[in-house]
Amino acid sequence: MSFVTISHWTATEITDDMTAKANEKFVPLIIANGATGVQMVRTGDLSMCVITQYADAEAAQAAQAKIAGLREQVAKEFPMTLSSAHGGDVVGGS
């Protein structure tokens, strides 16, 4: 069963350059740590969430220590704060 994590972030600013850097640097690192897909969703002027897909809960669990390190790195490189993070098995959708 697929597994998804969602991390919610707030920022003091979100620029096109920040988004480009995140896509170029962090998305490939997340994929390299076992994710099958990553989506960054702008949810407000100063907020966004990152939705990360994994093949299953085991793959997600195996990646979590490295993902925590990446989240710390993001918080150092961008004016962003992790507000919350959640995860669970995908139970529906298309």
PDB file of N, CA and C in Angstrom:
ATOM      1  N   MET A   1       0.842  -1.175   0.000  1.00  0.00           N
ATOM      2  CA  MET A   1       0.000   0.000   0.000  1.00  0.00           C
ATOM      3  C   MET A   1       0.891   1.243   0.000  1.00  0.00           C
ATOM      4  N   SER A   2       0.609   2.195  -0.878  1.00  0.00           N
ATOM      5  CA  SER A   2       1.382   3.434  -0.950  1.00  0.00           C
ATOM      6  C   SER A   2       1.282   4.207   0.357  1.00  0.00           C
ATOM      7  N   PHE A   3       2.292   5.032   0.597  1.00  0.00           N
ATOM      8  CA  PHE A   3       2.367   5.830   1.813  1.00  0.00           C
ATOM      9  C   PHE A   3       2.738   7.248   1.400  1.00  0.00           C
ATOM     10  N   VAL A   4       2.150   8.245   2.066  1.00  0.00           N
ATOM     11  CA  VAL A   4       2.409   9.650   1.754  1.00  0.00           C
ATOM     12  C   VAL A   4       2.756  10.391   3.032  1.00  0.00           C
ATOM     13  N   THR A   5       3.726  11.293   2.932  1.00  0.00           N
ATOM     14  CA  THR A   5       3.983  12.237   4.018  1.00  0.00           C
ATOM     15  C   THR A   5       3.667  13.639   3.510  1.00  0.00           C
ATOM     16  N   ILE A   6       3.196  14.477   4.418  1.00  0.00           N
ATOM     17  CA  ILE A   6       2.885  15.864   4.086  1.00  0.00           C
ATOM     18  C   ILE A   6       3.524  16.746   5.150  1.00  0.00           C
ATOM     19  N   SER A   7       4.387  17.651   4.715  1.00  0.00           N
ATOM     20  CA  SER A   7       4.986  18.599   5.653  1.00  0.00           C
ATOM     21  C   SER A   7       4.483  19.994   5.306  1.00  0.00           C
ATOM     22  N   HIS A   8       4.088  20.728   6.335  1.00  0.00           N
ATOM     23  CA  HIS A   8       3.543  22.080   6.181  1.00  0.00           C
ATOM     24  C   HIS A   8       4.613  23.082   6.630  1.00  0.00           C
ATOM     25  N   TRP A   9       4.819  24.091   5.810  1.00  0.00           N
ATOM     26  CA  TRP A   9       5.859  25.079   6.058  1.00  0.00           C
ATOM     27  C   TRP A   9       5.285  26.492   6.033  1.00  0.00           C
ATOM     28  N   THR A  10       5.826  27.369   6.887  1.00  0.00           N
ATOM     29  CA  THR A  10       5.527  28.792   6.821  1.00  0.00           C
ATOM     30  C   THR A  10       6.840  29.521   6.529  1.00  0.00           C
ATOM     31  N   ALA A  11       6.726  30.684   5.905  1.00  0.00           N
ATOM     32  CA  ALA A  11       7.921  31.409   5.489  1.00  0.00           C
ATOM     33  C   ALA A  11       7.728  32.905   5.691  1.00  0.00           C
ATOM     34  N   THR A  12       8.831  33.618   5.724  1.00  0.00           N
ATOM     35  CA  THR A  12       8.761  35.073   5.752  1.00  0.00           C
ATOM     36  C   THR A  12       8.710  35.616   4.335  1.00  0.00           C
ATOM     37  N   GLU A  13       9.120  34.784   3.365  1.00  0.00           N
ATOM     38  CA  GLU A  13       8.985  35.099   1.950  1.00  0.00           C
ATOM     39  C   GLU A  13       9.102  33.805   1.156  1.00  0.00           C
ATOM     40  N   ILE A  14       8.469  33.778  -0.001  1.00  0.00           N
ATOM     41  CA  ILE A  14       8.626  32.680  -0.945  1.00  0.00           C
ATOM     42  C   ILE A  14       8.828  33.317  -2.310  1.00  0.00           C
ATOM     43  N   THR A  15       9.994  33.081  -2.895  1.00  0.00           N
ATOM     44  CA  THR A  15      10.323  33.681  -4.185  1.00  0.00           C
ATOM     45  C   THR A  15      10.447  32.591  -5.252  1.00  0.00           C
ATOM     46  N   ASP A  16      10.423  33.015  -6.497  1.00  0.00           N
ATOM     47  CA  ASP A  16      10.628  32.082  -7.606  1.00  0.00           C
ATOM     48  C   ASP A  16      12.006  31.435  -7.513  1.00  0.00           C
ATOM     49  N   ASP A  17      13.011  32.202  -7.078  1.00  0.00           N
ATOM     50  CA  ASP A  17      14.359  31.648  -6.931  1.00  0.00           C
ATOM     51  C   ASP A  17      14.398  30.546  -5.867  1.00  0.00           C
ATOM     52  N   MET A  18      13.683  30.756  -4.771  1.00  0.00           N
ATOM     53  CA  MET A  18      13.627  29.735  -3.717  1.00  0.00           C
ATOM     54  C   MET A  18      12.977  28.460  -4.247  1.00  0.00           C
ATOM     55  N   THR A  19      11.889  28.625  -4.980  1.00  0.00           N
ATOM     56  CA  THR A  19      11.186  27.478  -5.530  1.00  0.00           C
ATOM     57  C   THR A  19      12.079  26.728  -6.523  1.00  0.00           C
ATOM     58  N   ALA A  20      12.768  27.469  -7.367  1.00  0.00           N
ATOM     59  CA  ALA A  20      13.675  26.840  -8.335  1.00  0.00           C
ATOM     60  C   ALA A  20      14.789  26.085  -7.628  1.00  0.00           C
ATOM     61  N   LYS A  21      15.369  26.692  -6.593  1.00  0.00           N
ATOM     62  CA  LYS A  21      16.442  26.029  -5.856  1.00  0.00           C
ATOM     63  C   LYS A  21      15.932  24.770  -5.167  1.00  0.00           C
ATOM     64  N   ALA A  22      14.746  24.837  -4.593  1.00  0.00           N
ATOM     65  CA  ALA A  22      14.170  23.657  -3.943  1.00  0.00           C
ATOM     66  C   ALA A  22      13.951  22.539  -4.948  1.00  0.00           C
ATOM     67  N   ASN A  23      13.451  22.883  -6.130  1.00  0.00           N
ATOM     68  CA  ASN A  23      13.237  21.878  -7.171  1.00  0.00           C
ATOM     69  C   ASN A  23      14.549  21.270  -7.654  1.00  0.00           C
ATOM     70  N   GLU A  24      15.569  22.094  -7.789  1.00  0.00           N
ATOM     71  CA  GLU A  24      16.860  21.630  -8.298  1.00  0.00           C
ATOM     72  C   GLU A  24      17.656  20.845  -7.264  1.00  0.00           C
ATOM     73  N   LYS A  25      17.576  21.253  -6.004  1.00  0.00           N
ATOM     74  CA  LYS A  25      18.427  20.661  -4.977  1.00  0.00           C
ATOM     75  C   LYS A  25      17.705  19.637  -4.107  1.00  0.00           C
ATOM     76  N   PHE A  26      16.573  20.020  -3.536  1.00  0.00           N
ATOM     77  CA  PHE A  26      15.957  19.177  -2.519  1.00  0.00           C
ATOM     78  C   PHE A  26      15.055  18.073  -3.074  1.00  0.00           C
ATOM     79  N   VAL A  27      14.333  18.351  -4.137  1.00  0.00           N
ATOM     80  CA  VAL A  27      13.479  17.307  -4.704  1.00  0.00           C
ATOM     81  C   VAL A  27      14.317  16.093  -5.121  1.00  0.00           C
ATOM     82  N   PRO A  28      15.434  16.265  -5.837  1.00  0.00           N
ATOM     83  CA  PRO A  28      16.246  15.089  -6.174  1.00  0.00           C
ATOM     84  C   PRO A  28      16.798  14.353  -4.946  1.00  0.00           C
ATOM     85  N   LEU A  29      17.112  15.088  -3.882  1.00  0.00           N
ATOM     86  CA  LEU A  29      17.610  14.440  -2.662  1.00  0.00           C
ATOM     87  C   LEU A  29      16.512  13.611  -2.000  1.00  0.00           C
ATOM     88  N   ILE A  30      15.290  14.105  -2.016  1.00  0.00           N
ATOM     89  CA  ILE A  30      14.173  13.353  -1.444  1.00  0.00           C
ATOM     90  C   ILE A  30      13.954  12.073  -2.249  1.00  0.00           C
ATOM     91  N   ILE A  31      13.975  12.197  -3.570  1.00  0.00           N
ATOM     92  CA  ILE A  31      13.822  11.026  -4.441  1.00  0.00           C
ATOM     93  C   ILE A  31      14.959  10.038  -4.196  1.00  0.00           C
ATOM     94  N   ALA A  32      16.170  10.541  -4.047  1.00  0.00           N
ATOM     95  CA  ALA A  32      17.332   9.675  -3.810  1.00  0.00           C
ATOM     96  C   ALA A  32      17.224   8.908  -2.494  1.00  0.00           C
ATOM     97  N   ASN A  33      16.395   9.409  -1.587  1.00  0.00           N
ATOM     98  CA  ASN A  33      16.221   8.751  -0.290  1.00  0.00           C
ATOM     99  C   ASN A  33      15.000   7.848  -0.252  1.00  0.00           C
ATOM    100  N   GLY A  34      14.468   7.483  -1.414  1.00  0.00           N
ATOM    101  CA  GLY A  34      13.436   6.464  -1.451  1.00  0.00           C
ATOM    102  C   GLY A  34      12.047   6.893  -1.857  1.00  0.00           C
ATOM    103  N   ALA A  35      11.827   8.186  -2.069  1.00  0.00           N
ATOM    104  CA  ALA A  35      10.498   8.633  -2.485  1.00  0.00           C
ATOM    105  C   ALA A  35      10.262   8.283  -3.952  1.00  0.00           C
ATOM    106  N   THR A  36       9.006   8.050  -4.288  1.00  0.00           N
ATOM    107  CA  THR A  36       8.647   7.804  -5.682  1.00  0.00           C
ATOM    108  C   THR A  36       8.131   9.067  -6.354  1.00  0.00           C
ATOM    109  N   GLY A  37       7.820  10.088  -5.571  1.00  0.00           N
ATOM    110  CA  GLY A  37       7.365  11.353  -6.112  1.00  0.00           C
ATOM    111  C   GLY A  37       7.334  12.426  -5.049  1.00  0.00           C
ATOM    112  N   VAL A  38       7.444  13.676  -5.480  1.00  0.00           N
ATOM    113  CA  VAL A  38       7.421  14.827  -4.569  1.00  0.00           C
ATOM    114  C   VAL A  38       6.651  15.943  -5.251  1.00  0.00           C
ATOM    115  N   GLN A  39       5.755  16.566  -4.513  1.00  0.00           N
ATOM    116  CA  GLN A  39       5.039  17.741  -5.002  1.00  0.00           C
ATOM    117  C   GLN A  39       5.149  18.841  -3.963  1.00  0.00           C
ATOM    118  N   MET A  40       5.480  20.047  -4.435  1.00  0.00           N
ATOM    119  CA  MET A  40       5.470  21.226  -3.576  1.00  0.00           C
ATOM    120  C   MET A  40       4.220  22.011  -3.935  1.00  0.00           C
ATOM    121  N   VAL A  41       3.413  22.348  -2.937  1.00  0.00           N
ATOM    122  CA  VAL A  41       2.143  23.018  -3.173  1.00  0.00           C
ATOM    123  C   VAL A  41       2.133  24.338  -2.419  1.00  0.00           C
ATOM    124  N   ARG A  42       1.973  25.424  -3.132  1.00  0.00           N
ATOM    125  CA  ARG A  42       1.864  26.744  -2.497  1.00  0.00           C
ATOM    126  C   ARG A  42       0.450  26.856  -1.946  1.00  0.00           C
ATOM    127  N   THR A  43       0.318  26.980  -0.642  1.00  0.00           N
ATOM    128  CA  THR A  43      -0.995  27.004   0.002  1.00  0.00           C
ATOM    129  C   THR A  43      -1.410  28.395   0.464  1.00  0.00           C
ATOM    130  N   GLY A  44      -0.532  29.364   0.324  1.00  0.00           N
ATOM    131  CA  GLY A  44      -0.816  30.742   0.703  1.00  0.00           C
ATOM    132  C   GLY A  44       0.360  31.616   0.325  1.00  0.00           C
ATOM    133  N   ASP A  45       0.245  32.917   0.596  1.00  0.00           N
ATOM    134  CA  ASP A  45       1.334  33.831   0.265  1.00  0.00           C
ATOM    135  C   ASP A  45       2.639  33.433   0.947  1.00  0.00           C
ATOM    136  N   LEU A  46       2.541  32.959   2.190  1.00  0.00           N
ATOM    137  CA  LEU A  46       3.731  32.616   2.963  1.00  0.00           C
ATOM    138  C   LEU A  46       3.669  31.191   3.512  1.00  0.00           C
ATOM    139  N   SER A  47       2.996  30.312   2.781  1.00  0.00           N
ATOM    140  CA  SER A  47       2.915  28.919   3.239  1.00  0.00           C
ATOM    141  C   SER A  47       2.936  27.958   2.063  1.00  0.00           C
ATOM    142  N   MET A  48       3.397  26.778   2.358  1.00  0.00           N
ATOM    143  CA  MET A  48       3.422  25.722   1.359  1.00  0.00           C
ATOM    144  C   MET A  48       3.456  24.376   2.061  1.00  0.00           C
ATOM    145  N   CYS A  49       3.180  23.343   1.308  1.00  0.00           N
ATOM    146  CA  CYS A  49       3.341  21.999   1.847  1.00  0.00           C
ATOM    147  C   CYS A  49       4.095  21.170   0.826  1.00  0.00           C
ATOM    148  N   VAL A  50       4.750  20.144   1.330  1.00  0.00           N
ATOM    149  CA  VAL A  50       5.480  19.201   0.489  1.00  0.00           C
ATOM    150  C   VAL A  50       4.833  17.840   0.685  1.00  0.00           C
ATOM    151  N   ILE A  51       4.370  17.283  -0.411  1.00  0.00           N
ATOM    152  CA  ILE A  51       3.719  15.977  -0.393  1.00  0.00           C
ATOM    153  C   ILE A  51       4.700  14.986  -1.014  1.00  0.00           C
ATOM    154  N   THR A  52       5.040  13.977  -0.251  1.00  0.00           N
ATOM    155  CA  THR A  52       6.030  13.002  -0.704  1.00  0.00           C
ATOM    156  C   THR A  52       5.398  11.621  -0.732  1.00  0.00           C
ATOM    157  N   GLN A  53       5.533  10.950  -1.867  1.00  0.00           N
ATOM    158  CA  GLN A  53       4.965   9.626  -2.038  1.00  0.00           C
ATOM    159  C   GLN A  53       6.058   8.565  -1.920  1.00  0.00           C
ATOM    160  N   TYR A  54       5.686   7.458  -1.293  1.00  0.00           N
ATOM    161  CA  TYR A  54       6.567   6.300  -1.150  1.00  0.00           C
ATOM    162  C   TYR A  54       5.816   5.051  -1.605  1.00  0.00           C
ATOM    163  N   ALA A  55       6.553   4.037  -1.971  1.00  0.00           N
ATOM    164  CA  ALA A  55       5.932   2.780  -2.403  1.00  0.00           C
ATOM    165  C   ALA A  55       5.116   2.155  -1.285  1.00  0.00           C
ATOM    166  N   ASP A  56       5.618   2.286  -0.045  1.00  0.00           N
ATOM    167  CA  ASP A  56       4.926   1.696   1.100  1.00  0.00           C
ATOM    168  C   ASP A  56       5.459   2.319   2.384  1.00  0.00           C
ATOM    169  N   ALA A  57       4.844   1.962   3.504  1.00  0.00           N
ATOM    170  CA  ALA A  57       5.235   2.524   4.806  1.00  0.00           C
ATOM    171  C   ALA A  57       6.671   2.164   5.160  1.00  0.00           C
ATOM    172  N   GLU A  58       7.098   0.978   4.778  1.00  0.00           N
ATOM    173  CA  GLU A  58       8.473   0.550   5.080  1.00  0.00           C
ATOM    174  C   GLU A  58       9.487   1.463   4.393  1.00  0.00           C
ATOM    175  N   ALA A  59       9.244   1.800   3.141  1.00  0.00           N
ATOM    176  CA  ALA A  59      10.149   2.708   2.418  1.00  0.00           C
ATOM    177  C   ALA A  59      10.149   4.092   3.063  1.00  0.00           C
ATOM    178  N   ALA A  60       8.979   4.563   3.460  1.00  0.00           N
ATOM    179  CA  ALA A  60       8.883   5.871   4.114  1.00  0.00           C
ATOM    180  C   ALA A  60       9.634   5.867   5.436  1.00  0.00           C
ATOM    181  N   GLN A  61       9.449   4.825   6.218  1.00  0.00           N
ATOM    182  CA  GLN A  61      10.129   4.728   7.510  1.00  0.00           C
ATOM    183  C   GLN A  61      11.644   4.697   7.333  1.00  0.00           C
ATOM    184  N   ALA A  62      12.103   3.961   6.336  1.00  0.00           N
ATOM    185  CA  ALA A  62      13.543   3.863   6.086  1.00  0.00           C
ATOM    186  C   ALA A  62      14.146   5.217   5.711  1.00  0.00           C
ATOM    187  N   ALA A  63      13.357   6.084   5.108  1.00  0.00           N
ATOM    188  CA  ALA A  63      13.851   7.388   4.655  1.00  0.00           C
ATOM    189  C   ALA A  63      13.765   8.473   5.709  1.00  0.00           C
ATOM    190  N   GLN A  64      13.014   8.270   6.778  1.00  0.00           N
ATOM    191  CA  GLN A  64      12.685   9.373   7.681  1.00  0.00           C
ATOM    192  C   GLN A  64      13.876  10.040   8.360  1.00  0.00           C
ATOM    193  N   ALA A  65      14.904   9.316   8.737  1.00  0.00           N
ATOM    194  CA  ALA A  65      16.063   9.951   9.379  1.00  0.00           C
ATOM    195  C   ALA A  65      16.742  10.913   8.401  1.00  0.00           C
ATOM    196  N   LYS A  66      16.891  10.488   7.162  1.00  0.00           N
ATOM    197  CA  LYS A  66      17.520  11.357   6.162  1.00  0.00           C
ATOM    198  C   LYS A  66      16.602  12.519   5.796  1.00  0.00           C
ATOM    199  N   ILE A  67      15.305  12.274   5.725  1.00  0.00           N
ATOM    200  CA  ILE A  67      14.356  13.341   5.416  1.00  0.00           C
ATOM    201  C   ILE A  67      14.364  14.387   6.533  1.00  0.00           C
ATOM    202  N   ALA A  68      14.478  13.950   7.777  1.00  0.00           N
ATOM    203  CA  ALA A  68      14.567  14.900   8.896  1.00  0.00           C
ATOM    204  C   ALA A  68      15.792  15.795   8.728  1.00  0.00           C
ATOM    205  N   GLY A  69      16.891  15.220   8.301  1.00  0.00           N
ATOM    206  CA  GLY A  69      18.094  16.007   8.040  1.00  0.00           C
ATOM    207  C   GLY A  69      17.896  17.003   6.914  1.00  0.00           C
ATOM    208  N   LEU A  70      17.192  16.588   5.866  1.00  0.00           N
ATOM    209  CA  LEU A  70      16.903  17.506   4.761  1.00  0.00           C
ATOM    210  C   LEU A  70      16.002  18.640   5.221  1.00  0.00           C
ATOM    211  N   ARG A  71      15.021  18.332   6.069  1.00  0.00           N
ATOM    212  CA  ARG A  71      14.138  19.384   6.587  1.00  0.00           C
ATOM    213  C   ARG A  71      14.930  20.412   7.390  1.00  0.00           C
ATOM    214  N   GLU A  72      15.894  19.958   8.178  1.00  0.00           N
ATOM    215  CA  GLU A  72      16.742  20.878   8.934  1.00  0.00           C
ATOM    216  C   GLU A  72      17.555  21.751   7.984  1.00  0.00           C
ATOM    217  N   GLN A  73      18.057  21.151   6.918  1.00  0.00           N
ATOM    218  CA  GLN A  73      18.842  21.898   5.937  1.00  0.00           C
ATOM    219  C   GLN A  73      17.987  22.957   5.251  1.00  0.00           C
ATOM    220  N   VAL A  74      16.757  22.603   4.882  1.00  0.00           N
ATOM    221  CA  VAL A  74      15.842  23.566   4.263  1.00  0.00           C
ATOM    222  C   VAL A  74      15.624  24.754   5.199  1.00  0.00           C
ATOM    223  N   ALA A  75      15.388  24.482   6.470  1.00  0.00           N
ATOM    224  CA  ALA A  75      15.132  25.545   7.441  1.00  0.00           C
ATOM    225  C   ALA A  75      16.344  26.458   7.608  1.00  0.00           C
ATOM    226  N   LYS A  76      17.542  25.948   7.371  1.00  0.00           N
ATOM    227  CA  LYS A  76      18.749  26.772   7.459  1.00  0.00           C
ATOM    228  C   LYS A  76      18.957  27.602   6.197  1.00  0.00           C
ATOM    229  N   GLU A  77      18.597  27.044   5.040  1.00  0.00           N
ATOM    230  CA  GLU A  77      18.874  27.711   3.771  1.00  0.00           C
ATOM    231  C   GLU A  77      17.778  28.683   3.321  1.00  0.00           C
ATOM    232  N   PHE A  78      16.567  28.487   3.823  1.00  0.00           N
ATOM    233  CA  PHE A  78      15.443  29.321   3.421  1.00  0.00           C
ATOM    234  C   PHE A  78      14.800  29.932   4.659  1.00  0.00           C
ATOM    235  N   PRO A  79      14.124  31.062   4.510  1.00  0.00           N
ATOM    236  CA  PRO A  79      13.432  31.668   5.659  1.00  0.00           C
ATOM    237  C   PRO A  79      12.104  30.948   5.916  1.00  0.00           C
ATOM    238  N   MET A  80      12.213  29.645   6.240  1.00  0.00           N
ATOM    239  CA  MET A  80      11.032  28.811   6.401  1.00  0.00           C
ATOM    240  C   MET A  80      11.103  28.035   7.709  1.00  0.00           C
ATOM    241  N   THR A  81       9.932  27.722   8.245  1.00  0.00           N
ATOM    242  CA  THR A  81       9.813  26.934   9.471  1.00  0.00           C
ATOM    243  C   THR A  81       8.842  25.791   9.218  1.00  0.00           C
ATOM    244  N   LEU A  82       9.228  24.614   9.635  1.00  0.00           N
ATOM    245  CA  LEU A  82       8.341  23.457   9.544  1.00  0.00           C
ATOM    246  C   LEU A  82       7.249  23.611  10.591  1.00  0.00           C
ATOM    247  N   SER A  83       5.996  23.674  10.145  1.00  0.00           N
ATOM    248  CA  SER A  83       4.861  23.836  11.059  1.00  0.00           C
ATOM    249  C   SER A  83       4.364  22.493  11.569  1.00  0.00           C
ATOM    250  N   SER A  84       4.263  21.524  10.674  1.00  0.00           N
ATOM    251  CA  SER A  84       3.805  20.185  11.061  1.00  0.00           C
ATOM    252  C   SER A  84       4.142  19.201   9.966  1.00  0.00           C
ATOM    253  N   ALA A  85       4.154  17.938  10.335  1.00  0.00           N
ATOM    254  CA  ALA A  85       4.406  16.863   9.374  1.00  0.00           C
ATOM    255  C   ALA A  85       3.523  15.676   9.750  1.00  0.00           C
ATOM    256  N   HIS A  86       2.943  15.073   8.737  1.00  0.00           N
ATOM    257  CA  HIS A  86       2.032  13.955   8.935  1.00  0.00           C
ATOM    258  C   HIS A  86       2.315  12.903   7.865  1.00  0.00           C
ATOM    259  N   GLY A  87       1.889  11.700   8.100  1.00  0.00           N
ATOM    260  CA  GLY A  87       2.028  10.655   7.100  1.00  0.00           C
ATOM    261  C   GLY A  87       1.016   9.570   7.311  1.00  0.00           C
ATOM    262  N   GLY A  88       0.769   8.805   6.245  1.00  0.00           N
ATOM    263  CA  GLY A  88      -0.161   7.693   6.375  1.00  0.00           C
ATOM    264  C   GLY A  88      -0.302   6.911   5.088  1.00  0.00           C
ATOM    265  N   ASP A  89      -0.941   5.762   5.223  1.00  0.00           N
ATOM    266  CA  ASP A  89      -1.224   4.911   4.064  1.00  0.00           C
ATOM    267  C   ASP A  89      -2.273   5.555   3.187  1.00  0.00           C
ATOM    268  N   VAL A  90      -2.080   5.449   1.887  1.00  0.00           N
ATOM    269  CA  VAL A  90      -3.058   5.948   0.934  1.00  0.00           C
ATOM    270  C   VAL A  90      -4.205   4.929   0.890  1.00  0.00           C
ATOM    271  N   VAL A  91      -5.410   5.398   1.146  1.00  0.00           N
ATOM    272  CA  VAL A  91      -6.566   4.494   1.226  1.00  0.00           C
ATOM    273  C   VAL A  91      -7.592   4.753   0.120  1.00  0.00           C
ATOM    274  N   GLY A  92      -7.334   5.731  -0.734  1.00  0.00           N
ATOM    275  CA  GLY A  92      -8.269   6.011  -1.815  1.00  0.00           C
ATOM    276  C   GLY A  92      -7.677   7.016  -2.776  1.00  0.00           C
ATOM    277  N   GLY A  93      -8.382   7.254  -3.852  1.00  0.00           N
ATOM    278  CA  GLY A  93      -7.939   8.222  -4.856  1.00  0.00           C
ATOM    279  C   GLY A  93      -7.755   7.557  -6.193  1.00  0.00           C
ATOM    280  N   SER A  94      -7.254   8.354  -7.128  1.00  0.00           N
ATOM    281  CA  SER A  94      -7.029   7.812  -8.460  1.00  0.00           C
ATOM    282  C   SER A  94      -5.606   8.039  -8.902  1.00  0.00           C
TER     283      SER A  94
END
